[in-house]
Amino acid sequence: MPPPGKGKLRILQRRSGIGRPAVERRTLEALGLKHHQDTVVKPDHPALRGMLYRVRHLVAVTPAKAKE
């Protein structure tokens, strides 16, 4: 995960939420990830970092490019 700061993060769901605890499935849903290989771009802030930490084994996070 990139260091915290201003900007946006690209979040890619790498693994399915099937068979995961309900709290992890709800976190994926709150992030806007609906299925495997889904990608969203979100502004970087502490609450988002906490959500990503909870599902860190299911997602890949990279800094978003300027156009996104």
C-alpha atoms as a PDB file:
ATOM      1  CA  MET A   1       0.000   0.000   0.000  1.00  0.00           C
ATOM      2  CA  PRO A   2       1.373   3.462  -0.810  1.00  0.00           C
ATOM      3  CA  PRO A   3       2.234   5.801   2.066  1.00  0.00           C
ATOM      4  CA  PRO A   4      -0.668   7.844   3.453  1.00  0.00           C
ATOM      5  CA  GLY A   5      -1.233  11.260   2.024  1.00  0.00           C
ATOM      6  CA  LYS A   6      -3.326  13.293  -0.316  1.00  0.00           C
ATOM      7  CA  GLY A   7      -4.529  11.854  -3.567  1.00  0.00           C
ATOM      8  CA  LYS A   8      -6.502   8.836  -4.664  1.00  0.00           C
ATOM      9  CA  LEU A   9      -6.067   5.094  -4.405  1.00  0.00           C
ATOM     10  CA  ARG A  10      -6.957   2.463  -6.995  1.00  0.00           C
ATOM     11  CA  ILE A  11      -8.421  -0.601  -5.264  1.00  0.00           C
ATOM     12  CA  LEU A  12      -8.615  -3.937  -7.086  1.00  0.00           C
ATOM     13  CA  GLN A  13     -10.504  -6.875  -5.585  1.00  0.00           C
ATOM     14  CA  ARG A  14      -8.091  -9.785  -6.023  1.00  0.00           C
ATOM     15  CA  ARG A  15     -10.039 -12.514  -4.233  1.00  0.00           C
ATOM     16  CA  SER A  16     -13.711 -13.344  -3.867  1.00  0.00           C
ATOM     17  CA  GLY A  17     -15.761 -12.525  -0.780  1.00  0.00           C
ATOM     18  CA  ILE A  18     -17.519 -15.902  -0.962  1.00  0.00           C
ATOM     19  CA  GLY A  19     -16.935 -17.893   2.207  1.00  0.00           C
ATOM     20  CA  ARG A  20     -15.553 -14.869   4.066  1.00  0.00           C
ATOM     21  CA  PRO A  21     -16.986 -13.531   7.322  1.00  0.00           C
ATOM     22  CA  ALA A  22     -19.921 -11.162   6.937  1.00  0.00           C
ATOM     23  CA  VAL A  23     -17.892  -8.189   8.187  1.00  0.00           C
ATOM     24  CA  GLU A  24     -15.405  -8.650   5.327  1.00  0.00           C
ATOM     25  CA  ARG A  25     -18.187  -8.991   2.741  1.00  0.00           C
ATOM     26  CA  ARG A  26     -19.848  -5.816   4.055  1.00  0.00           C
ATOM     27  CA  THR A  27     -16.525  -3.969   3.928  1.00  0.00           C
ATOM     28  CA  LEU A  28     -16.023  -4.967   0.278  1.00  0.00           C
ATOM     29  CA  GLU A  29     -19.554  -3.770  -0.471  1.00  0.00           C
ATOM     30  CA  ALA A  30     -18.920  -0.453   1.318  1.00  0.00           C
ATOM     31  CA  LEU A  31     -15.786   0.014  -0.790  1.00  0.00           C
ATOM     32  CA  GLY A  32     -17.934  -0.411  -3.910  1.00  0.00           C
ATOM     33  CA  LEU A  33     -16.399  -3.747  -4.918  1.00  0.00           C
ATOM     34  CA  LYS A  34     -19.040  -6.124  -6.234  1.00  0.00           C
ATOM     35  CA  HIS A  35     -17.086  -9.006  -7.745  1.00  0.00           C
ATOM     36  CA  HIS A  36     -13.648 -10.496  -8.342  1.00  0.00           C
ATOM     37  CA  GLN A  37     -11.336  -8.233 -10.434  1.00  0.00           C
ATOM     38  CA  ASP A  38     -13.559  -5.175  -9.835  1.00  0.00           C
ATOM     39  CA  THR A  39     -11.687  -1.845  -9.578  1.00  0.00           C
ATOM     40  CA  VAL A  40     -12.640   1.422  -7.878  1.00  0.00           C
ATOM     41  CA  VAL A  41     -10.814   4.713  -7.297  1.00  0.00           C
ATOM     42  CA  LYS A  42     -11.346   6.377  -3.923  1.00  0.00           C
ATOM     43  CA  PRO A  43      -9.869   9.462  -2.214  1.00  0.00           C
ATOM     44  CA  ASP A  44      -7.210   8.573   0.354  1.00  0.00           C
ATOM     45  CA  HIS A  45      -8.256   9.240   3.970  1.00  0.00           C
ATOM     46  CA  PRO A  46      -7.904   7.472   7.342  1.00  0.00           C
ATOM     47  CA  ALA A  47     -11.350   5.811   7.289  1.00  0.00           C
ATOM     48  CA  LEU A  48     -10.617   4.271   3.893  1.00  0.00           C
ATOM     49  CA  ARG A  49      -7.247   3.039   5.161  1.00  0.00           C
ATOM     50  CA  GLY A  50      -8.997   1.265   8.040  1.00  0.00           C
ATOM     51  CA  MET A  51     -11.414  -0.444   5.661  1.00  0.00           C
ATOM     52  CA  LEU A  52      -8.546  -1.530   3.412  1.00  0.00           C
ATOM     53  CA  TYR A  53      -6.646  -2.919   6.399  1.00  0.00           C
ATOM     54  CA  ARG A  54      -9.624  -5.097   7.271  1.00  0.00           C
ATOM     55  CA  VAL A  55      -9.707  -6.698   3.793  1.00  0.00           C
ATOM     56  CA  ARG A  56      -5.997  -6.392   2.936  1.00  0.00           C
ATOM     57  CA  HIS A  57      -5.804 -10.094   2.013  1.00  0.00           C
ATOM     58  CA  LEU A  58      -8.594  -9.667  -0.588  1.00  0.00           C
ATOM     59  CA  VAL A  59      -7.526  -6.457  -2.353  1.00  0.00           C
ATOM     60  CA  ALA A  60      -4.548  -4.838  -4.081  1.00  0.00           C
ATOM     61  CA  VAL A  61      -3.991  -1.096  -3.618  1.00  0.00           C
ATOM     62  CA  THR A  62      -1.969   1.241  -5.848  1.00  0.00           C
ATOM     63  CA  PRO A  63      -1.829   5.023  -6.228  1.00  0.00           C
ATOM     64  CA  ALA A  64      -4.278   6.275  -8.849  1.00  0.00           C
ATOM     65  CA  LYS A  65      -3.039   8.175 -11.878  1.00  0.00           C
ATOM     66  CA  ALA A  66      -3.843  11.880 -12.268  1.00  0.00           C
ATOM     67  CA  LYS A  67      -6.642  11.290 -14.826  1.00  0.00           C
ATOM     68  CA  GLU A  68      -8.672   9.007 -12.563  1.00  0.00           C
END
